[in-house]
Amino acid sequence: MSKFVSLRTTLKERLFLSLALKDLQCEILKTKKIKTLLNRVYEVDIAVKTPFGIVGFIKTKNGEFELVGDDMILAKNSKFIEQLTQKYAYHHVVTEAKKAGFNLVKETVDDSQSVRLVLRKWR
């Protein structure tokens, strides 16, 4: 039997969340409602069509987005939150570095999917 679950995250910035979702081939939907497999409807702040189903994000009182959805849908891709967090951090770091005057010189991804960024600031 499926049920509606929520997963805590430390994702706070909507812009970086949106960019990370796009990187993972997800589409942000115009609707603010998502359904479970049992057709129960829930209100969300951001509804997202992922390659494995529709999920949502709800902004909590402390400003963090919780990933919410049907547990059967979320179980189809258990690494999603890990990949999303990595893409979110990437966009956050690159954006803040550019604001501080750094340029992205080189980016590499190793076999374990760890990302290494080389940033440089010219004076």
PDB file of N, CA and C in Angstrom:
ATOM      1  N   MET A   1       0.848  -1.186   0.000  1.00  0.00           N
ATOM      2  CA  MET A   1       0.000   0.000   0.000  1.00  0.00           C
ATOM      3  C   MET A   1       0.883   1.234   0.000  1.00  0.00           C
ATOM      4  N   SER A   2       0.555   2.183  -0.841  1.00  0.00           N
ATOM      5  CA  SER A   2       1.365   3.386  -0.917  1.00  0.00           C
ATOM      6  C   SER A   2       0.897   4.406   0.113  1.00  0.00           C
ATOM      7  N   LYS A   3       1.830   5.298   0.486  1.00  0.00           N
ATOM      8  CA  LYS A   3       1.502   6.369   1.429  1.00  0.00           C
ATOM      9  C   LYS A   3       2.314   7.601   1.072  1.00  0.00           C
ATOM     10  N   PHE A   4       1.862   8.739   1.552  1.00  0.00           N
ATOM     11  CA  PHE A   4       2.506  10.025   1.307  1.00  0.00           C
ATOM     12  C   PHE A   4       3.600  10.205   2.344  1.00  0.00           C
ATOM     13  N   VAL A   5       4.824  10.479   1.884  1.00  0.00           N
ATOM     14  CA  VAL A   5       5.951  10.652   2.802  1.00  0.00           C
ATOM     15  C   VAL A   5       6.662  11.963   2.503  1.00  0.00           C
ATOM     16  N   SER A   6       7.439  12.442   3.472  1.00  0.00           N
ATOM     17  CA  SER A   6       8.260  13.634   3.257  1.00  0.00           C
ATOM     18  C   SER A   6       9.685  13.338   3.708  1.00  0.00           C
ATOM     19  N   LEU A   7      10.638  13.903   2.977  1.00  0.00           N
ATOM     20  CA  LEU A   7      12.054  13.741   3.289  1.00  0.00           C
ATOM     21  C   LEU A   7      12.650  15.115   3.526  1.00  0.00           C
ATOM     22  N   ARG A   8      13.271  15.284   4.679  1.00  0.00           N
ATOM     23  CA  ARG A   8      13.896  16.575   4.993  1.00  0.00           C
ATOM     24  C   ARG A   8      15.100  16.808   4.112  1.00  0.00           C
ATOM     25  N   THR A   9      15.311  18.065   3.763  1.00  0.00           N
ATOM     26  CA  THR A   9      16.494  18.465   3.011  1.00  0.00           C
ATOM     27  C   THR A   9      17.057  19.723   3.662  1.00  0.00           C
ATOM     28  N   THR A  10      18.195  20.159   3.155  1.00  0.00           N
ATOM     29  CA  THR A  10      18.761  21.441   3.591  1.00  0.00           C
ATOM     30  C   THR A  10      18.718  22.438   2.437  1.00  0.00           C
ATOM     31  N   LEU A  11      17.854  22.194   1.477  1.00  0.00           N
ATOM     32  CA  LEU A  11      17.729  23.044   0.306  1.00  0.00           C
ATOM     33  C   LEU A  11      16.808  24.218   0.631  1.00  0.00           C
ATOM     34  N   LYS A  12      17.326  25.442   0.502  1.00  0.00           N
ATOM     35  CA  LYS A  12      16.544  26.617   0.882  1.00  0.00           C
ATOM     36  C   LYS A  12      16.256  27.568  -0.271  1.00  0.00           C
ATOM     37  N   GLU A  13      17.132  27.635  -1.245  1.00  0.00           N
ATOM     38  CA  GLU A  13      17.010  28.609  -2.322  1.00  0.00           C
ATOM     39  C   GLU A  13      16.250  28.014  -3.510  1.00  0.00           C
ATOM     40  N   ARG A  14      15.120  28.616  -3.832  1.00  0.00           N
ATOM     41  CA  ARG A  14      14.281  28.129  -4.934  1.00  0.00           C
ATOM     42  C   ARG A  14      15.040  28.146  -6.270  1.00  0.00           C
ATOM     43  N   LEU A  15      15.845  29.181  -6.511  1.00  0.00           N
ATOM     44  CA  LEU A  15      16.585  29.280  -7.768  1.00  0.00           C
ATOM     45  C   LEU A  15      17.512  28.086  -7.960  1.00  0.00           C
ATOM     46  N   PHE A  16      18.318  27.778  -6.946  1.00  0.00           N
ATOM     47  CA  PHE A  16      19.269  26.672  -7.066  1.00  0.00           C
ATOM     48  C   PHE A  16      18.541  25.331  -7.133  1.00  0.00           C
ATOM     49  N   LEU A  17      17.417  25.216  -6.443  1.00  0.00           N
ATOM     50  CA  LEU A  17      16.600  24.006  -6.522  1.00  0.00           C
ATOM     51  C   LEU A  17      16.077  23.820  -7.941  1.00  0.00           C
ATOM     52  N   SER A  18      15.587  24.896  -8.544  1.00  0.00           N
ATOM     53  CA  SER A  18      15.072  24.831  -9.921  1.00  0.00           C
ATOM     54  C   SER A  18      16.160  24.432 -10.905  1.00  0.00           C
ATOM     55  N   LEU A  19      17.345  25.013 -10.767  1.00  0.00           N
ATOM     56  CA  LEU A  19      18.458  24.679 -11.660  1.00  0.00           C
ATOM     57  C   LEU A  19      18.873  23.218 -11.493  1.00  0.00           C
ATOM     58  N   ALA A  20      18.920  22.748 -10.253  1.00  0.00           N
ATOM     59  CA  ALA A  20      19.288  21.351  -9.990  1.00  0.00           C
ATOM     60  C   ALA A  20      18.258  20.394 -10.589  1.00  0.00           C
ATOM     61  N   LEU A  21      16.988  20.738 -10.466  1.00  0.00           N
ATOM     62  CA  LEU A  21      15.929  19.900 -11.024  1.00  0.00           C
ATOM     63  C   LEU A  21      16.053  19.816 -12.545  1.00  0.00           C
ATOM     64  N   LYS A  22      16.346  20.931 -13.186  1.00  0.00           N
ATOM     65  CA  LYS A  22      16.527  20.934 -14.648  1.00  0.00           C
ATOM     66  C   LYS A  22      17.702  20.051 -15.048  1.00  0.00           C
ATOM     67  N   ASP A  23      18.790  20.114 -14.275  1.00  0.00           N
ATOM     68  CA  ASP A  23      19.955  19.267 -14.550  1.00  0.00           C
ATOM     69  C   ASP A  23      19.593  17.780 -14.525  1.00  0.00           C
ATOM     70  N   LEU A  24      18.615  17.430 -13.700  1.00  0.00           N
ATOM     71  CA  LEU A  24      18.203  16.026 -13.549  1.00  0.00           C
ATOM     72  C   LEU A  24      17.031  15.671 -14.464  1.00  0.00           C
ATOM     73  N   GLN A  25      16.814  16.480 -15.504  1.00  0.00           N
ATOM     74  CA  GLN A  25      15.743  16.275 -16.485  1.00  0.00           C
ATOM     75  C   GLN A  25      14.355  16.239 -15.839  1.00  0.00           C
ATOM     76  N   CYS A  26      14.138  17.119 -14.877  1.00  0.00           N
ATOM     77  CA  CYS A  26      12.837  17.244 -14.225  1.00  0.00           C
ATOM     78  C   CYS A  26      12.149  18.510 -14.731  1.00  0.00           C
ATOM     79  N   GLU A  27      10.837  18.459 -14.775  1.00  0.00           N
ATOM     80  CA  GLU A  27      10.044  19.598 -15.243  1.00  0.00           C
ATOM     81  C   GLU A  27       9.233  20.152 -14.073  1.00  0.00           C
ATOM     82  N   ILE A  28       9.367  21.450 -13.823  1.00  0.00           N
ATOM     83  CA  ILE A  28       8.565  22.090 -12.787  1.00  0.00           C
ATOM     84  C   ILE A  28       7.189  22.357 -13.378  1.00  0.00           C
ATOM     85  N   LEU A  29       6.174  21.856 -12.704  1.00  0.00           N
ATOM     86  CA  LEU A  29       4.803  21.952 -13.196  1.00  0.00           C
ATOM     87  C   LEU A  29       4.126  23.220 -12.682  1.00  0.00           C
ATOM     88  N   LYS A  30       3.120  23.672 -13.383  1.00  0.00           N
ATOM     89  CA  LYS A  30       2.385  24.875 -12.969  1.00  0.00           C
ATOM     90  C   LYS A  30       1.432  24.582 -11.813  1.00  0.00           C
ATOM     91  N   THR A  31       1.000  23.349 -11.683  1.00  0.00           N
ATOM     92  CA  THR A  31       0.072  22.978 -10.625  1.00  0.00           C
ATOM     93  C   THR A  31       0.733  23.037  -9.250  1.00  0.00           C
ATOM     94  N   LYS A  32      -0.066  23.182  -8.233  1.00  0.00           N
ATOM     95  CA  LYS A  32       0.420  23.176  -6.848  1.00  0.00           C
ATOM     96  C   LYS A  32      -0.134  21.956  -6.092  1.00  0.00           C
ATOM     97  N   LYS A  33      -0.551  20.948  -6.861  1.00  0.00           N
ATOM     98  CA  LYS A  33      -1.117  19.737  -6.248  1.00  0.00           C
ATOM     99  C   LYS A  33      -0.474  18.506  -6.860  1.00  0.00           C
ATOM    100  N   ILE A  34      -0.254  17.502  -6.023  1.00  0.00           N
ATOM    101  CA  ILE A  34       0.228  16.221  -6.528  1.00  0.00           C
ATOM    102  C   ILE A  34      -0.670  15.116  -5.985  1.00  0.00           C
ATOM    103  N   LYS A  35      -0.701  13.989  -6.703  1.00  0.00           N
ATOM    104  CA  LYS A  35      -1.527  12.854  -6.303  1.00  0.00           C
ATOM    105  C   LYS A  35      -0.646  11.663  -5.936  1.00  0.00           C
ATOM    106  N   THR A  36      -1.106  10.876  -4.984  1.00  0.00           N
ATOM    107  CA  THR A  36      -0.458   9.606  -4.697  1.00  0.00           C
ATOM    108  C   THR A  36      -0.998   8.578  -5.670  1.00  0.00           C
ATOM    109  N   LEU A  37      -0.442   7.392  -5.642  1.00  0.00           N
ATOM    110  CA  LEU A  37      -0.928   6.321  -6.506  1.00  0.00           C
ATOM    111  C   LEU A  37      -2.356   5.917  -6.150  1.00  0.00           C
ATOM    112  N   LEU A  38      -2.790   6.245  -4.935  1.00  0.00           N
ATOM    113  CA  LEU A  38      -4.161   5.949  -4.498  1.00  0.00           C
ATOM    114  C   LEU A  38      -5.092   7.138  -4.723  1.00  0.00           C
ATOM    115  N   ASN A  39      -4.636   8.101  -5.538  1.00  0.00           N
ATOM    116  CA  ASN A  39      -5.408   9.291  -5.927  1.00  0.00           C
ATOM    117  C   ASN A  39      -5.733  10.256  -4.789  1.00  0.00           C
ATOM    118  N   ARG A  40      -4.944  10.254  -3.735  1.00  0.00           N
ATOM    119  CA  ARG A  40      -5.079  11.294  -2.714  1.00  0.00           C
ATOM    120  C   ARG A  40      -4.321  12.514  -3.204  1.00  0.00           C
ATOM    121  N   VAL A  41      -4.890  13.700  -3.003  1.00  0.00           N
ATOM    122  CA  VAL A  41      -4.304  14.943  -3.503  1.00  0.00           C
ATOM    123  C   VAL A  41      -3.685  15.721  -2.338  1.00  0.00           C
ATOM    124  N   TYR A  42      -2.474  16.267  -2.570  1.00  0.00           N
ATOM    125  CA  TYR A  42      -1.771  17.052  -1.561  1.00  0.00           C
ATOM    126  C   TYR A  42      -1.311  18.370  -2.168  1.00  0.00           C
ATOM    127  N   GLU A  43      -1.369  19.437  -1.371  1.00  0.00           N
ATOM    128  CA  GLU A  43      -0.896  20.768  -1.769  1.00  0.00           C
ATOM    129  C   GLU A  43       0.617  20.830  -1.573  1.00  0.00           C
ATOM    130  N   VAL A  44       1.311  21.402  -2.563  1.00  0.00           N
ATOM    131  CA  VAL A  44       2.758  21.574  -2.485  1.00  0.00           C
ATOM    132  C   VAL A  44       3.120  22.980  -2.966  1.00  0.00           C
ATOM    133  N   ASP A  45       4.326  23.417  -2.649  1.00  0.00           N
ATOM    134  CA  ASP A  45       4.813  24.702  -3.154  1.00  0.00           C
ATOM    135  C   ASP A  45       5.373  24.559  -4.561  1.00  0.00           C
ATOM    136  N   ILE A  46       6.004  23.418  -4.830  1.00  0.00           N
ATOM    137  CA  ILE A  46       6.566  23.142  -6.152  1.00  0.00           C
ATOM    138  C   ILE A  46       6.210  21.702  -6.522  1.00  0.00           C
ATOM    139  N   ALA A  47       5.547  21.527  -7.646  1.00  0.00           N
ATOM    140  CA  ALA A  47       5.253  20.186  -8.167  1.00  0.00           C
ATOM    141  C   ALA A  47       6.245  19.903  -9.291  1.00  0.00           C
ATOM    142  N   VAL A  48       6.771  18.672  -9.320  1.00  0.00           N
ATOM    143  CA  VAL A  48       7.840  18.338 -10.257  1.00  0.00           C
ATOM    144  C   VAL A  48       7.559  17.002 -10.930  1.00  0.00           C
ATOM    145  N   LYS A  49       7.683  17.007 -12.249  1.00  0.00           N
ATOM    146  CA  LYS A  49       7.603  15.753 -13.001  1.00  0.00           C
ATOM    147  C   LYS A  49       9.030  15.253 -13.182  1.00  0.00           C
ATOM    148  N   THR A  50       9.349  14.135 -12.549  1.00  0.00           N
ATOM    149  CA  THR A  50      10.673  13.533 -12.647  1.00  0.00           C
ATOM    150  C   THR A  50      10.613  12.370 -13.631  1.00  0.00           C
ATOM    151  N   PRO A  51      11.762  11.820 -14.017  1.00  0.00           N
ATOM    152  CA  PRO A  51      11.738  10.646 -14.897  1.00  0.00           C
ATOM    153  C   PRO A  51      11.057   9.427 -14.253  1.00  0.00           C
ATOM    154  N   PHE A  52      10.887   9.436 -12.939  1.00  0.00           N
ATOM    155  CA  PHE A  52      10.283   8.278 -12.258  1.00  0.00           C
ATOM    156  C   PHE A  52       8.907   8.559 -11.673  1.00  0.00           C
ATOM    157  N   GLY A  53       8.363   9.756 -11.862  1.00  0.00           N
ATOM    158  CA  GLY A  53       7.023  10.083 -11.357  1.00  0.00           C
ATOM    159  C   GLY A  53       6.934  11.516 -10.872  1.00  0.00           C
ATOM    160  N   ILE A  54       5.770  11.889 -10.383  1.00  0.00           N
ATOM    161  CA  ILE A  54       5.553  13.259  -9.913  1.00  0.00           C
ATOM    162  C   ILE A  54       5.750  13.329  -8.403  1.00  0.00           C
ATOM    163  N   VAL A  55       6.546  14.314  -7.981  1.00  0.00           N
ATOM    164  CA  VAL A  55       6.816  14.575  -6.571  1.00  0.00           C
ATOM    165  C   VAL A  55       6.614  16.063  -6.325  1.00  0.00           C
ATOM    166  N   GLY A  56       6.747  16.476  -5.079  1.00  0.00           N
ATOM    167  CA  GLY A  56       6.596  17.881  -4.757  1.00  0.00           C
ATOM    168  C   GLY A  56       7.580  18.337  -3.707  1.00  0.00           C
ATOM    169  N   PHE A  57       7.606  19.635  -3.509  1.00  0.00           N
ATOM    170  CA  PHE A  57       8.422  20.242  -2.461  1.00  0.00           C
ATOM    171  C   PHE A  57       7.543  21.192  -1.673  1.00  0.00           C
ATOM    172  N   ILE A  58       7.641  21.111  -0.363  1.00  0.00           N
ATOM    173  CA  ILE A  58       6.915  21.994   0.538  1.00  0.00           C
ATOM    174  C   ILE A  58       7.942  22.775   1.345  1.00  0.00           C
ATOM    175  N   LYS A  59       7.783  24.093   1.383  1.00  0.00           N
ATOM    176  CA  LYS A  59       8.703  24.934   2.154  1.00  0.00           C
ATOM    177  C   LYS A  59       8.269  24.921   3.617  1.00  0.00           C
ATOM    178  N   THR A  60       9.183  24.552   4.502  1.00  0.00           N
ATOM    179  CA  THR A  60       8.891  24.454   5.923  1.00  0.00           C
ATOM    180  C   THR A  60       9.031  25.815   6.597  1.00  0.00           C
ATOM    181  N   LYS A  61       8.657  25.883   7.867  1.00  0.00           N
ATOM    182  CA  LYS A  61       8.748  27.138   8.623  1.00  0.00           C
ATOM    183  C   LYS A  61      10.183  27.622   8.755  1.00  0.00           C
ATOM    184  N   ASN A  62      11.163  26.698   8.748  1.00  0.00           N
ATOM    185  CA  ASN A  62      12.559  27.124   8.857  1.00  0.00           C
ATOM    186  C   ASN A  62      13.179  27.431   7.497  1.00  0.00           C
ATOM    187  N   GLY A  63      12.354  27.455   6.433  1.00  0.00           N
ATOM    188  CA  GLY A  63      12.813  27.877   5.120  1.00  0.00           C
ATOM    189  C   GLY A  63      13.394  26.795   4.240  1.00  0.00           C
ATOM    190  N   GLU A  64      13.382  25.550   4.697  1.00  0.00           N
ATOM    191  CA  GLU A  64      13.913  24.453   3.900  1.00  0.00           C
ATOM    192  C   GLU A  64      12.792  23.774   3.119  1.00  0.00           C
ATOM    193  N   PHE A  65      13.134  23.271   1.935  1.00  0.00           N
ATOM    194  CA  PHE A  65      12.164  22.529   1.135  1.00  0.00           C
ATOM    195  C   PHE A  65      12.213  21.058   1.517  1.00  0.00           C
ATOM    196  N   GLU A  66      11.052  20.483   1.813  1.00  0.00           N
ATOM    197  CA  GLU A  66      10.947  19.036   2.038  1.00  0.00           C
ATOM    198  C   GLU A  66      10.483  18.394   0.748  1.00  0.00           C
ATOM    199  N   LEU A  67      11.109  17.275   0.386  1.00  0.00           N
ATOM    200  CA  LEU A  67      10.679  16.498  -0.761  1.00  0.00           C
ATOM    201  C   LEU A  67       9.519  15.628  -0.309  1.00  0.00           C
ATOM    202  N   VAL A  68       8.392  15.710  -1.009  1.00  0.00           N
ATOM    203  CA  VAL A  68       7.211  14.942  -0.621  1.00  0.00           C
ATOM    204  C   VAL A  68       6.671  14.182  -1.825  1.00  0.00           C
ATOM    205  N   GLY A  69       6.026  13.076  -1.516  1.00  0.00           N
ATOM    206  CA  GLY A  69       5.415  12.301  -2.583  1.00  0.00           C
ATOM    207  C   GLY A  69       5.017  10.927  -2.118  1.00  0.00           C
ATOM    208  N   ASP A  70       4.526  10.167  -3.040  1.00  0.00           N
ATOM    209  CA  ASP A  70       4.113   8.790  -2.775  1.00  0.00           C
ATOM    210  C   ASP A  70       5.363   7.953  -2.537  1.00  0.00           C
ATOM    211  N   ASP A  71       5.365   7.159  -1.475  1.00  0.00           N
ATOM    212  CA  ASP A  71       6.554   6.370  -1.160  1.00  0.00           C
ATOM    213  C   ASP A  71       6.903   5.378  -2.261  1.00  0.00           C
ATOM    214  N   MET A  72       5.913   4.898  -2.990  1.00  0.00           N
ATOM    215  CA  MET A  72       6.168   3.953  -4.078  1.00  0.00           C
ATOM    216  C   MET A  72       6.880   4.650  -5.248  1.00  0.00           C
ATOM    217  N   ILE A  73       6.577   5.927  -5.466  1.00  0.00           N
ATOM    218  CA  ILE A  73       7.242   6.698  -6.520  1.00  0.00           C
ATOM    219  C   ILE A  73       8.670   7.038  -6.096  1.00  0.00           C
ATOM    220  N   LEU A  74       8.822   7.512  -4.868  1.00  0.00           N
ATOM    221  CA  LEU A  74      10.158   7.876  -4.382  1.00  0.00           C
ATOM    222  C   LEU A  74      11.072   6.661  -4.279  1.00  0.00           C
ATOM    223  N   ALA A  75      10.523   5.500  -4.000  1.00  0.00           N
ATOM    224  CA  ALA A  75      11.323   4.285  -3.896  1.00  0.00           C
ATOM    225  C   ALA A  75      11.924   3.879  -5.237  1.00  0.00           C
ATOM    226  N   LYS A  76      11.328   4.343  -6.334  1.00  0.00           N
ATOM    227  CA  LYS A  76      11.838   3.997  -7.664  1.00  0.00           C
ATOM    228  C   LYS A  76      13.206   4.612  -7.937  1.00  0.00           C
ATOM    229  N   ASN A  77      13.535   5.682  -7.240  1.00  0.00           N
ATOM    230  CA  ASN A  77      14.829   6.320  -7.446  1.00  0.00           C
ATOM    231  C   ASN A  77      15.365   6.823  -6.110  1.00  0.00           C
ATOM    232  N   SER A  78      15.956   5.926  -5.352  1.00  0.00           N
ATOM    233  CA  SER A  78      16.439   6.261  -4.012  1.00  0.00           C
ATOM    234  C   SER A  78      17.631   7.212  -4.033  1.00  0.00           C
ATOM    235  N   LYS A  79      18.327   7.335  -5.146  1.00  0.00           N
ATOM    236  CA  LYS A  79      19.484   8.231  -5.232  1.00  0.00           C
ATOM    237  C   LYS A  79      19.104   9.646  -5.653  1.00  0.00           C
ATOM    238  N   PHE A  80      17.828   9.891  -5.903  1.00  0.00           N
ATOM    239  CA  PHE A  80      17.388  11.193  -6.396  1.00  0.00           C
ATOM    240  C   PHE A  80      17.775  12.329  -5.455  1.00  0.00           C
ATOM    241  N   ILE A  81      17.504  12.181  -4.172  1.00  0.00           N
ATOM    242  CA  ILE A  81      17.790  13.255  -3.219  1.00  0.00           C
ATOM    243  C   ILE A  81      19.291  13.526  -3.142  1.00  0.00           C
ATOM    244  N   GLU A  82      20.083  12.480  -3.253  1.00  0.00           N
ATOM    245  CA  GLU A  82      21.540  12.622  -3.243  1.00  0.00           C
ATOM    246  C   GLU A  82      22.007  13.399  -4.485  1.00  0.00           C
ATOM    247  N   GLN A  83      21.496  13.035  -5.646  1.00  0.00           N
ATOM    248  CA  GLN A  83      21.856  13.720  -6.884  1.00  0.00           C
ATOM    249  C   GLN A  83      21.355  15.161  -6.877  1.00  0.00           C
ATOM    250  N   LEU A  84      20.151  15.363  -6.373  1.00  0.00           N
ATOM    251  CA  LEU A  84      19.575  16.699  -6.301  1.00  0.00           C
ATOM    252  C   LEU A  84      20.403  17.601  -5.391  1.00  0.00           C
ATOM    253  N   THR A  85      20.807  17.086  -4.249  1.00  0.00           N
ATOM    254  CA  THR A  85      21.606  17.854  -3.303  1.00  0.00           C
ATOM    255  C   THR A  85      22.951  18.235  -3.917  1.00  0.00           C
ATOM    256  N   GLN A  86      23.561  17.310  -4.653  1.00  0.00           N
ATOM    257  CA  GLN A  86      24.842  17.594  -5.295  1.00  0.00           C
ATOM    258  C   GLN A  86      24.699  18.688  -6.352  1.00  0.00           C
ATOM    259  N   LYS A  87      23.669  18.607  -7.189  1.00  0.00           N
ATOM    260  CA  LYS A  87      23.446  19.616  -8.227  1.00  0.00           C
ATOM    261  C   LYS A  87      23.117  20.973  -7.603  1.00  0.00           C
ATOM    262  N   TYR A  88      22.329  20.963  -6.529  1.00  0.00           N
ATOM    263  CA  TYR A  88      21.981  22.189  -5.806  1.00  0.00           C
ATOM    264  C   TYR A  88      23.263  22.847  -5.275  1.00  0.00           C
ATOM    265  N   ALA A  89      24.118  22.062  -4.634  1.00  0.00           N
ATOM    266  CA  ALA A  89      25.364  22.590  -4.078  1.00  0.00           C
ATOM    267  C   ALA A  89      26.259  23.152  -5.180  1.00  0.00           C
ATOM    268  N   TYR A  90      26.310  22.463  -6.308  1.00  0.00           N
ATOM    269  CA  TYR A  90      27.104  22.929  -7.447  1.00  0.00           C
ATOM    270  C   TYR A  90      26.661  24.326  -7.867  1.00  0.00           C
ATOM    271  N   HIS A  91      25.373  24.495  -8.105  1.00  0.00           N
ATOM    272  CA  HIS A  91      24.870  25.798  -8.556  1.00  0.00           C
ATOM    273  C   HIS A  91      25.062  26.876  -7.490  1.00  0.00           C
ATOM    274  N   HIS A  92      24.910  26.507  -6.245  1.00  0.00           N
ATOM    275  CA  HIS A  92      25.096  27.466  -5.148  1.00  0.00           C
ATOM    276  C   HIS A  92      26.555  27.927  -5.094  1.00  0.00           C
ATOM    277  N   VAL A  93      27.483  26.990  -5.138  1.00  0.00           N
ATOM    278  CA  VAL A  93      28.906  27.322  -5.058  1.00  0.00           C
ATOM    279  C   VAL A  93      29.344  28.164  -6.248  1.00  0.00           C
ATOM    280  N   VAL A  94      28.975  27.761  -7.459  1.00  0.00           N
ATOM    281  CA  VAL A  94      29.391  28.487  -8.662  1.00  0.00           C
ATOM    282  C   VAL A  94      28.813  29.912  -8.662  1.00  0.00           C
ATOM    283  N   THR A  95      27.555  30.052  -8.286  1.00  0.00           N
ATOM    284  CA  THR A  95      26.927  31.377  -8.262  1.00  0.00           C
ATOM    285  C   THR A  95      27.590  32.282  -7.230  1.00  0.00           C
ATOM    286  N   GLU A  96      27.800  31.773  -6.019  1.00  0.00           N
ATOM    287  CA  GLU A  96      28.422  32.582  -4.973  1.00  0.00           C
ATOM    288  C   GLU A  96      29.874  32.911  -5.309  1.00  0.00           C
ATOM    289  N   ALA A  97      30.571  31.978  -5.946  1.00  0.00           N
ATOM    290  CA  ALA A  97      31.956  32.236  -6.339  1.00  0.00           C
ATOM    291  C   ALA A  97      32.016  33.345  -7.387  1.00  0.00           C
ATOM    292  N   LYS A  98      31.104  33.320  -8.346  1.00  0.00           N
ATOM    293  CA  LYS A  98      31.073  34.377  -9.371  1.00  0.00           C
ATOM    294  C   LYS A  98      30.782  35.736  -8.741  1.00  0.00           C
ATOM    295  N   LYS A  99      29.875  35.751  -7.746  1.00  0.00           N
ATOM    296  CA  LYS A  99      29.585  37.014  -7.049  1.00  0.00           C
ATOM    297  C   LYS A  99      30.829  37.559  -6.355  1.00  0.00           C
ATOM    298  N   ALA A 100      31.689  36.646  -5.885  1.00  0.00           N
ATOM    299  CA  ALA A 100      32.904  37.044  -5.180  1.00  0.00           C
ATOM    300  C   ALA A 100      34.064  37.330  -6.135  1.00  0.00           C
ATOM    301  N   GLY A 101      33.803  37.265  -7.447  1.00  0.00           N
ATOM    302  CA  GLY A 101      34.831  37.602  -8.423  1.00  0.00           C
ATOM    303  C   GLY A 101      35.626  36.431  -8.963  1.00  0.00           C
ATOM    304  N   PHE A 102      35.239  35.204  -8.644  1.00  0.00           N
ATOM    305  CA  PHE A 102      35.934  34.026  -9.149  1.00  0.00           C
ATOM    306  C   PHE A 102      35.348  33.584 -10.482  1.00  0.00           C
ATOM    307  N   ASN A 103      36.178  32.937 -11.279  1.00  0.00           N
ATOM    308  CA  ASN A 103      35.743  32.338 -12.537  1.00  0.00           C
ATOM    309  C   ASN A 103      35.963  30.833 -12.462  1.00  0.00           C
ATOM    310  N   LEU A 104      35.033  30.095 -13.041  1.00  0.00           N
ATOM    311  CA  LEU A 104      35.164  28.644 -13.116  1.00  0.00           C
ATOM    312  C   LEU A 104      36.144  28.331 -14.240  1.00  0.00           C
ATOM    313  N   VAL A 105      37.284  27.733 -13.871  1.00  0.00           N
ATOM    314  CA  VAL A 105      38.333  27.442 -14.832  1.00  0.00           C
ATOM    315  C   VAL A 105      38.228  26.012 -15.341  1.00  0.00           C
ATOM    316  N   LYS A 106      37.918  25.092 -14.422  1.00  0.00           N
ATOM    317  CA  LYS A 106      37.894  23.677 -14.794  1.00  0.00           C
ATOM    318  C   LYS A 106      36.908  22.940 -13.901  1.00  0.00           C
ATOM    319  N   GLU A 107      36.270  21.961 -14.503  1.00  0.00           N
ATOM    320  CA  GLU A 107      35.312  21.131 -13.769  1.00  0.00           C
ATOM    321  C   GLU A 107      35.533  19.690 -14.193  1.00  0.00           C
ATOM    322  N   THR A 108      35.693  18.793 -13.217  1.00  0.00           N
ATOM    323  CA  THR A 108      35.852  17.372 -13.530  1.00  0.00           C
ATOM    324  C   THR A 108      34.922  16.555 -12.639  1.00  0.00           C
ATOM    325  N   VAL A 109      34.512  15.409 -13.171  1.00  0.00           N
ATOM    326  CA  VAL A 109      33.682  14.467 -12.419  1.00  0.00           C
ATOM    327  C   VAL A 109      34.403  13.128 -12.451  1.00  0.00           C
ATOM    328  N   ASP A 110      34.655  12.552 -11.269  1.00  0.00           N
ATOM    329  CA  ASP A 110      35.370  11.274 -11.245  1.00  0.00           C
ATOM    330  C   ASP A 110      34.405  10.087 -11.300  1.00  0.00           C
ATOM    331  N   ASP A 111      34.943   8.896 -11.206  1.00  0.00           N
ATOM    332  CA  ASP A 111      34.139   7.675 -11.324  1.00  0.00           C
ATOM    333  C   ASP A 111      33.067   7.550 -10.242  1.00  0.00           C
ATOM    334  N   SER A 112      33.321   8.144  -9.077  1.00  0.00           N
ATOM    335  CA  SER A 112      32.346   8.080  -7.982  1.00  0.00           C
ATOM    336  C   SER A 112      31.327   9.220  -8.058  1.00  0.00           C
ATOM    337  N   GLN A 113      31.361   9.974  -9.158  1.00  0.00           N
ATOM    338  CA  GLN A 113      30.473  11.112  -9.404  1.00  0.00           C
ATOM    339  C   GLN A 113      30.772  12.316  -8.513  1.00  0.00           C
ATOM    340  N   SER A 114      31.952  12.353  -7.903  1.00  0.00           N
ATOM    341  CA  SER A 114      32.386  13.535  -7.157  1.00  0.00           C
ATOM    342  C   SER A 114      32.790  14.611  -8.156  1.00  0.00           C
ATOM    343  N   VAL A 115      32.391  15.841  -7.862  1.00  0.00           N
ATOM    344  CA  VAL A 115      32.681  16.959  -8.753  1.00  0.00           C
ATOM    345  C   VAL A 115      33.819  17.780  -8.151  1.00  0.00           C
ATOM    346  N   ARG A 116      34.787  18.115  -8.983  1.00  0.00           N
ATOM    347  CA  ARG A 116      35.899  18.953  -8.550  1.00  0.00           C
ATOM    348  C   ARG A 116      35.886  20.212  -9.397  1.00  0.00           C
ATOM    349  N   LEU A 117      35.832  21.351  -8.731  1.00  0.00           N
ATOM    350  CA  LEU A 117      35.810  22.648  -9.408  1.00  0.00           C
ATOM    351  C   LEU A 117      37.117  23.367  -9.149  1.00  0.00           C
ATOM    352  N   VAL A 118      37.659  23.971 -10.193  1.00  0.00           N
ATOM    353  CA  VAL A 118      38.824  24.827 -10.047  1.00  0.00           C
ATOM    354  C   VAL A 118      38.350  26.242 -10.344  1.00  0.00           C
ATOM    355  N   LEU A 119      38.468  27.107  -9.340  1.00  0.00           N
ATOM    356  CA  LEU A 119      38.030  28.493  -9.468  1.00  0.00           C
ATOM    357  C   LEU A 119      39.244  29.394  -9.350  1.00  0.00           C
ATOM    358  N   ARG A 120      39.222  30.492 -10.074  1.00  0.00           N
ATOM    359  CA  ARG A 120      40.379  31.392 -10.042  1.00  0.00           C
ATOM    360  C   ARG A 120      39.858  32.830  -9.968  1.00  0.00           C
ATOM    361  N   LYS A 121      40.595  33.621  -9.210  1.00  0.00           N
ATOM    362  CA  LYS A 121      40.261  35.042  -9.092  1.00  0.00           C
ATOM    363  C   LYS A 121      41.477  35.852  -9.498  1.00  0.00           C
ATOM    364  N   TRP A 122      41.268  36.688 -10.504  1.00  0.00           N
ATOM    365  CA  TRP A 122      42.338  37.553 -10.971  1.00  0.00           C
ATOM    366  C   TRP A 122      42.198  38.918 -10.311  1.00  0.00           C
ATOM    367  N   ARG A 123      43.332  39.495  -9.935  1.00  0.00           N
ATOM    368  CA  ARG A 123      43.290  40.813  -9.292  1.00  0.00           C
ATOM    369  C   ARG A 123      43.729  41.882 -10.226  1.00  0.00           C
TER     370      ARG A 123
END
